[in-house]
Amino acid sequence: MNITRDYAFCIIPYFKGQTKSEHPLTVWDSVLLNIVLDPILIFGLLGAPEMGVQGAALASLLSQIYSMALYAYLVFVKNVPMNIAGKWRLKFTVIRRSLAIGLPSGVTYFLLAFNMLITYRVLGPYGTAALAAVGIGFRILQSIYLPVVALTSAMAAVVAQNMGARRPLRVHRTFGPDGSYRRSSWCWGPFCA
């Protein structure tokens, strides 16, 4: 269970929904911290002990703790307003629609995690080098599709805000007047994967 990641998954959409998308971007500093700490802790640079795979894990842990601390600072110290007051009640029609939209995506992420589990389990007996090679391969794939994920994440915020403002024409324009965004991602997406 990754508490820092789960916390980020809860708070990032909140900030986006409040049209404060600059706050989640400040936490990208934690990604830069991870990039800097990885070689230092893995290879023992700058006087740090050489830790190998454990150094990579420690770098990830430290960067996630930094990310969570930064969010806590934004919410509790800087007092970024979190307006959650009001009468809360469950709307089952909204829950059903959310599940209809989100469940396929959730199953996709579950299958991806399950695939990684099986891959690491099968390669485990072959040693650290094999596991590291697969990890590098997954990172390369992530770097290929990360721009698309970032673009669609930004589009989700734009679409949600315009749907809330009842401006469907702006939602339509987000995808391109002729659906060019979808077609272009369909054309070049398979080549990247």
C-alpha atoms as a PDB file:
ATOM      1  CA  MET A   1       0.000   0.000   0.000  1.00  0.00           C
ATOM      2  CA  ASN A   2       1.470   3.321  -1.086  1.00  0.00           C
ATOM      3  CA  ILE A   3       0.019   5.988   1.207  1.00  0.00           C
ATOM      4  CA  THR A   4       1.814   8.914  -0.433  1.00  0.00           C
ATOM      5  CA  ARG A   5       0.586   7.947  -3.899  1.00  0.00           C
ATOM      6  CA  ASP A   6      -2.964   7.411  -2.660  1.00  0.00           C
ATOM      7  CA  TYR A   7      -2.873  10.796  -0.930  1.00  0.00           C
ATOM      8  CA  ALA A   8      -1.705  12.421  -4.168  1.00  0.00           C
ATOM      9  CA  PHE A   9      -4.444  10.667  -6.150  1.00  0.00           C
ATOM     10  CA  CYS A  10      -7.001  12.160  -3.792  1.00  0.00           C
ATOM     11  CA  ILE A  11      -5.666  15.691  -3.553  1.00  0.00           C
ATOM     12  CA  ILE A  12      -4.570  16.333  -7.158  1.00  0.00           C
ATOM     13  CA  PRO A  13      -8.112  15.989  -8.582  1.00  0.00           C
ATOM     14  CA  TYR A  14      -9.384  18.191  -5.767  1.00  0.00           C
ATOM     15  CA  PHE A  15      -7.008  21.001  -6.749  1.00  0.00           C
ATOM     16  CA  LYS A  16      -7.862  20.538 -10.424  1.00  0.00           C
ATOM     17  CA  GLY A  17     -11.554  20.713  -9.660  1.00  0.00           C
ATOM     18  CA  GLN A  18     -10.996  23.941  -7.754  1.00  0.00           C
ATOM     19  CA  THR A  19      -9.145  25.337 -10.831  1.00  0.00           C
ATOM     20  CA  LYS A  20      -5.885  25.464  -8.867  1.00  0.00           C
ATOM     21  CA  SER A  21      -3.849  23.301 -11.202  1.00  0.00           C
ATOM     22  CA  GLU A  22      -0.618  25.129 -10.341  1.00  0.00           C
ATOM     23  CA  HIS A  23      -0.466  23.387  -6.950  1.00  0.00           C
ATOM     24  CA  PRO A  24      -0.161  19.818  -8.274  1.00  0.00           C
ATOM     25  CA  LEU A  25       2.559  21.028 -10.624  1.00  0.00           C
ATOM     26  CA  THR A  26       4.700  22.241  -7.718  1.00  0.00           C
ATOM     27  CA  VAL A  27       4.895  18.673  -6.482  1.00  0.00           C
ATOM     28  CA  TRP A  28       6.759  17.670  -9.646  1.00  0.00           C
ATOM     29  CA  ASP A  29       9.778  18.820  -7.650  1.00  0.00           C
ATOM     30  CA  SER A  30       9.596  15.385  -6.042  1.00  0.00           C
ATOM     31  CA  VAL A  31      10.156  13.779  -9.457  1.00  0.00           C
ATOM     32  CA  LEU A  32      13.261  15.913  -9.918  1.00  0.00           C
ATOM     33  CA  LEU A  33      14.404  14.926  -6.423  1.00  0.00           C
ATOM     34  CA  ASN A  34      14.028  11.263  -7.361  1.00  0.00           C
ATOM     35  CA  ILE A  35      16.005  11.811 -10.573  1.00  0.00           C
ATOM     36  CA  VAL A  36      18.837  13.424  -8.604  1.00  0.00           C
ATOM     37  CA  LEU A  37      18.832  10.937  -5.714  1.00  0.00           C
ATOM     38  CA  ASP A  38      18.709   7.776  -7.874  1.00  0.00           C
ATOM     39  CA  PRO A  39      22.274   7.851  -9.212  1.00  0.00           C
ATOM     40  CA  ILE A  40      23.637   9.212  -5.932  1.00  0.00           C
ATOM     41  CA  LEU A  41      22.194   6.372  -3.844  1.00  0.00           C
ATOM     42  CA  ILE A  42      22.510   3.615  -6.450  1.00  0.00           C
ATOM     43  CA  PHE A  43      26.147   4.221  -7.407  1.00  0.00           C
ATOM     44  CA  GLY A  44      27.369   5.882  -4.203  1.00  0.00           C
ATOM     45  CA  LEU A  45      28.155   9.291  -5.657  1.00  0.00           C
ATOM     46  CA  LEU A  46      29.019  12.400  -3.615  1.00  0.00           C
ATOM     47  CA  GLY A  47      30.190  10.350  -0.639  1.00  0.00           C
ATOM     48  CA  ALA A  48      26.947   8.372  -0.233  1.00  0.00           C
ATOM     49  CA  PRO A  49      27.246   4.606   0.229  1.00  0.00           C
ATOM     50  CA  GLU A  50      26.705   2.461  -2.874  1.00  0.00           C
ATOM     51  CA  MET A  51      23.316   0.848  -2.266  1.00  0.00           C
ATOM     52  CA  GLY A  52      22.273  -0.543  -5.658  1.00  0.00           C
ATOM     53  CA  VAL A  53      18.597  -1.462  -5.933  1.00  0.00           C
ATOM     54  CA  GLN A  54      18.023  -0.511  -2.292  1.00  0.00           C
ATOM     55  CA  GLY A  55      19.310   2.977  -3.137  1.00  0.00           C
ATOM     56  CA  ALA A  56      16.702   3.288  -5.887  1.00  0.00           C
ATOM     57  CA  ALA A  57      13.993   2.239  -3.445  1.00  0.00           C
ATOM     58  CA  LEU A  58      15.236   4.724  -0.848  1.00  0.00           C
ATOM     59  CA  ALA A  59      15.336   7.520  -3.458  1.00  0.00           C
ATOM     60  CA  SER A  60      11.726   6.767  -4.424  1.00  0.00           C
ATOM     61  CA  LEU A  61      10.639   6.671  -0.793  1.00  0.00           C
ATOM     62  CA  LEU A  62      12.349   9.975   0.035  1.00  0.00           C
ATOM     63  CA  SER A  63      10.843  11.698  -3.009  1.00  0.00           C
ATOM     64  CA  GLN A  64       7.352  10.422  -2.129  1.00  0.00           C
ATOM     65  CA  ILE A  65       7.720  11.619   1.457  1.00  0.00           C
ATOM     66  CA  TYR A  66       8.819  14.991   0.102  1.00  0.00           C
ATOM     67  CA  SER A  67       5.752  15.072  -2.171  1.00  0.00           C
ATOM     68  CA  MET A  68       3.406  14.301   0.705  1.00  0.00           C
ATOM     69  CA  ALA A  69       5.106  16.900   2.917  1.00  0.00           C
ATOM     70  CA  LEU A  70       4.727  19.484   0.162  1.00  0.00           C
ATOM     71  CA  TYR A  71       0.997  18.763  -0.139  1.00  0.00           C
ATOM     72  CA  ALA A  72       0.644  18.953   3.649  1.00  0.00           C
ATOM     73  CA  TYR A  73       2.431  22.305   3.543  1.00  0.00           C
ATOM     74  CA  LEU A  74       0.053  23.585   0.844  1.00  0.00           C
ATOM     75  CA  VAL A  75      -3.034  22.495   2.766  1.00  0.00           C
ATOM     76  CA  PHE A  76      -2.111  23.057   6.411  1.00  0.00           C
ATOM     77  CA  VAL A  77       0.555  25.793   6.430  1.00  0.00           C
ATOM     78  CA  LYS A  78      -0.050  27.843   3.292  1.00  0.00           C
ATOM     79  CA  ASN A  79      -3.793  27.411   3.888  1.00  0.00           C
ATOM     80  CA  VAL A  80      -4.762  26.708   0.308  1.00  0.00           C
ATOM     81  CA  PRO A  81      -8.531  26.777   0.722  1.00  0.00           C
ATOM     82  CA  MET A  82     -10.314  23.461   0.678  1.00  0.00           C
ATOM     83  CA  ASN A  83     -13.991  24.196   0.410  1.00  0.00           C
ATOM     84  CA  ILE A  84     -15.670  20.957   1.422  1.00  0.00           C
ATOM     85  CA  ALA A  85     -18.437  22.484   3.524  1.00  0.00           C
ATOM     86  CA  GLY A  86     -22.018  21.854   2.608  1.00  0.00           C
ATOM     87  CA  LYS A  87     -24.667  19.201   2.745  1.00  0.00           C
ATOM     88  CA  TRP A  88     -23.191  15.912   1.633  1.00  0.00           C
ATOM     89  CA  ARG A  89     -25.444  13.195   0.277  1.00  0.00           C
ATOM     90  CA  LEU A  90     -24.893  10.223  -1.981  1.00  0.00           C
ATOM     91  CA  LYS A  91     -26.365  10.387  -5.454  1.00  0.00           C
ATOM     92  CA  PHE A  92     -26.523   6.855  -6.734  1.00  0.00           C
ATOM     93  CA  THR A  93     -27.064   7.966 -10.326  1.00  0.00           C
ATOM     94  CA  VAL A  94     -23.757   9.847 -10.178  1.00  0.00           C
ATOM     95  CA  ILE A  95     -22.050   6.863  -8.543  1.00  0.00           C
ATOM     96  CA  ARG A  96     -23.371   4.537 -11.271  1.00  0.00           C
ATOM     97  CA  ARG A  97     -22.193   6.874 -14.049  1.00  0.00           C
ATOM     98  CA  SER A  98     -18.798   7.306 -12.368  1.00  0.00           C
ATOM     99  CA  LEU A  99     -18.375   3.544 -12.088  1.00  0.00           C
ATOM    100  CA  ALA A 100     -19.432   3.055 -15.703  1.00  0.00           C
ATOM    101  CA  ILE A 101     -16.738   5.509 -16.778  1.00  0.00           C
ATOM    102  CA  GLY A 102     -14.034   4.701 -14.226  1.00  0.00           C
ATOM    103  CA  LEU A 103     -14.302   0.939 -13.802  1.00  0.00           C
ATOM    104  CA  PRO A 104     -12.817   0.029 -17.204  1.00  0.00           C
ATOM    105  CA  SER A 105      -9.887   2.350 -16.523  1.00  0.00           C
ATOM    106  CA  GLY A 106      -9.468   0.877 -13.046  1.00  0.00           C
ATOM    107  CA  VAL A 107      -9.468  -2.657 -14.432  1.00  0.00           C
ATOM    108  CA  THR A 108      -6.841  -1.590 -16.977  1.00  0.00           C
ATOM    109  CA  TYR A 109      -4.541  -0.309 -14.233  1.00  0.00           C
ATOM    110  CA  PHE A 110      -5.168  -3.460 -12.188  1.00  0.00           C
ATOM    111  CA  LEU A 111      -4.220  -5.633 -15.172  1.00  0.00           C
ATOM    112  CA  LEU A 112      -1.090  -3.551 -15.746  1.00  0.00           C
ATOM    113  CA  ALA A 113      -0.045  -3.991 -12.110  1.00  0.00           C
ATOM    114  CA  PHE A 114      -0.878  -7.717 -12.308  1.00  0.00           C
ATOM    115  CA  ASN A 115       1.221  -7.997 -15.480  1.00  0.00           C
ATOM    116  CA  MET A 116       4.163  -6.365 -13.709  1.00  0.00           C
ATOM    117  CA  LEU A 117       3.724  -8.688 -10.727  1.00  0.00           C
ATOM    118  CA  ILE A 118       3.816 -11.769 -12.963  1.00  0.00           C
ATOM    119  CA  THR A 119       6.781 -10.394 -14.931  1.00  0.00           C
ATOM    120  CA  TYR A 120       8.817  -9.700 -11.805  1.00  0.00           C
ATOM    121  CA  ARG A 121       7.831 -13.031 -10.290  1.00  0.00           C
ATOM    122  CA  VAL A 122       8.955 -14.945 -13.383  1.00  0.00           C
ATOM    123  CA  LEU A 123      12.215 -12.981 -13.684  1.00  0.00           C
ATOM    124  CA  GLY A 124      13.016 -13.029  -9.954  1.00  0.00           C
ATOM    125  CA  PRO A 125      15.095 -16.213 -10.070  1.00  0.00           C
ATOM    126  CA  TYR A 126      17.313 -14.736 -12.800  1.00  0.00           C
ATOM    127  CA  GLY A 127      18.694 -12.103 -10.425  1.00  0.00           C
ATOM    128  CA  THR A 128      18.915  -8.383  -9.957  1.00  0.00           C
ATOM    129  CA  ALA A 129      20.277  -7.682 -13.446  1.00  0.00           C
ATOM    130  CA  ALA A 130      17.203  -9.180 -15.133  1.00  0.00           C
ATOM    131  CA  LEU A 131      14.852  -7.308 -12.819  1.00  0.00           C
ATOM    132  CA  ALA A 132      16.743  -4.063 -13.433  1.00  0.00           C
ATOM    133  CA  ALA A 133      16.554  -4.584 -17.207  1.00  0.00           C
ATOM    134  CA  VAL A 134      12.804  -5.051 -17.069  1.00  0.00           C
ATOM    135  CA  GLY A 135      12.510  -2.012 -14.798  1.00  0.00           C
ATOM    136  CA  ILE A 136      14.466   0.051 -17.330  1.00  0.00           C
ATOM    137  CA  GLY A 137      12.198  -1.228 -20.104  1.00  0.00           C
ATOM    138  CA  PHE A 138       9.090  -0.217 -18.154  1.00  0.00           C
ATOM    139  CA  ARG A 139      10.610   3.237 -17.533  1.00  0.00           C
ATOM    140  CA  ILE A 140      11.296   3.663 -21.265  1.00  0.00           C
ATOM    141  CA  LEU A 141       7.702   2.728 -22.066  1.00  0.00           C
ATOM    142  CA  GLN A 142       6.467   5.141 -19.402  1.00  0.00           C
ATOM    143  CA  SER A 143       8.525   7.962 -20.895  1.00  0.00           C
ATOM    144  CA  ILE A 144       6.949   7.253 -24.294  1.00  0.00           C
ATOM    145  CA  TYR A 145       3.334   7.372 -23.138  1.00  0.00           C
ATOM    146  CA  LEU A 146       3.766   9.926 -20.345  1.00  0.00           C
ATOM    147  CA  PRO A 147       3.217  12.932 -22.664  1.00  0.00           C
ATOM    148  CA  VAL A 148      -0.094  11.432 -23.791  1.00  0.00           C
ATOM    149  CA  VAL A 149      -1.110  10.804 -20.169  1.00  0.00           C
ATOM    150  CA  ALA A 150      -0.182  14.386 -19.277  1.00  0.00           C
ATOM    151  CA  LEU A 151      -2.152  15.761 -22.217  1.00  0.00           C
ATOM    152  CA  THR A 152      -5.246  13.712 -21.438  1.00  0.00           C
ATOM    153  CA  SER A 153      -4.991  14.628 -17.757  1.00  0.00           C
ATOM    154  CA  ALA A 154      -4.950  18.311 -18.667  1.00  0.00           C
ATOM    155  CA  MET A 155      -7.821  17.732 -21.082  1.00  0.00           C
ATOM    156  CA  ALA A 156      -9.829  16.055 -18.313  1.00  0.00           C
ATOM    157  CA  ALA A 157      -9.591  19.181 -16.183  1.00  0.00           C
ATOM    158  CA  VAL A 158     -10.623  21.411 -19.102  1.00  0.00           C
ATOM    159  CA  VAL A 159     -13.518  19.128 -20.026  1.00  0.00           C
ATOM    160  CA  ALA A 160     -14.741  18.841 -16.436  1.00  0.00           C
ATOM    161  CA  GLN A 161     -14.662  22.588 -15.862  1.00  0.00           C
ATOM    162  CA  ASN A 162     -16.470  23.332 -19.118  1.00  0.00           C
ATOM    163  CA  MET A 163     -19.070  20.635 -18.542  1.00  0.00           C
ATOM    164  CA  GLY A 164     -19.676  22.113 -15.100  1.00  0.00           C
ATOM    165  CA  ALA A 165     -20.038  25.548 -16.683  1.00  0.00           C
ATOM    166  CA  ARG A 166     -22.448  24.043 -19.239  1.00  0.00           C
ATOM    167  CA  ARG A 167     -20.256  24.957 -22.213  1.00  0.00           C
ATOM    168  CA  PRO A 168     -20.303  21.836 -24.412  1.00  0.00           C
ATOM    169  CA  LEU A 169     -18.898  23.694 -27.422  1.00  0.00           C
ATOM    170  CA  ARG A 170     -15.642  24.300 -25.553  1.00  0.00           C
ATOM    171  CA  VAL A 171     -15.563  20.614 -24.613  1.00  0.00           C
ATOM    172  CA  HIS A 172     -15.926  19.722 -28.286  1.00  0.00           C
ATOM    173  CA  ARG A 173     -13.097  22.108 -29.195  1.00  0.00           C
ATOM    174  CA  THR A 174     -10.843  20.469 -26.599  1.00  0.00           C
ATOM    175  CA  PHE A 175     -10.710  17.346 -28.749  1.00  0.00           C
ATOM    176  CA  GLY A 176     -10.307  19.325 -31.960  1.00  0.00           C
ATOM    177  CA  PRO A 177     -13.158  20.351 -34.226  1.00  0.00           C
ATOM    178  CA  ASP A 178     -12.692  17.296 -36.395  1.00  0.00           C
ATOM    179  CA  GLY A 179     -11.529  14.838 -33.746  1.00  0.00           C
ATOM    180  CA  SER A 180      -7.920  15.291 -34.868  1.00  0.00           C
ATOM    181  CA  TYR A 181      -6.565  14.625 -31.363  1.00  0.00           C
ATOM    182  CA  ARG A 182      -8.184  11.184 -31.266  1.00  0.00           C
ATOM    183  CA  ARG A 183      -7.108  10.280 -34.789  1.00  0.00           C
ATOM    184  CA  SER A 184      -3.527  11.428 -34.259  1.00  0.00           C
ATOM    185  CA  SER A 185      -3.214   9.461 -31.015  1.00  0.00           C
ATOM    186  CA  TRP A 186      -4.642   6.381 -32.736  1.00  0.00           C
ATOM    187  CA  CYS A 187      -2.155   6.746 -35.587  1.00  0.00           C
ATOM    188  CA  TRP A 188       1.075   7.258 -33.658  1.00  0.00           C
ATOM    189  CA  GLY A 189       0.145   5.510 -30.396  1.00  0.00           C
ATOM    190  CA  PRO A 190       0.755   1.929 -31.592  1.00  0.00           C
ATOM    191  CA  PHE A 191       4.192   2.873 -32.951  1.00  0.00           C
ATOM    192  CA  CYS A 192       5.228   4.275 -29.567  1.00  0.00           C
ATOM    193  CA  ALA A 193       4.104   1.165 -27.749  1.00  0.00           C
END
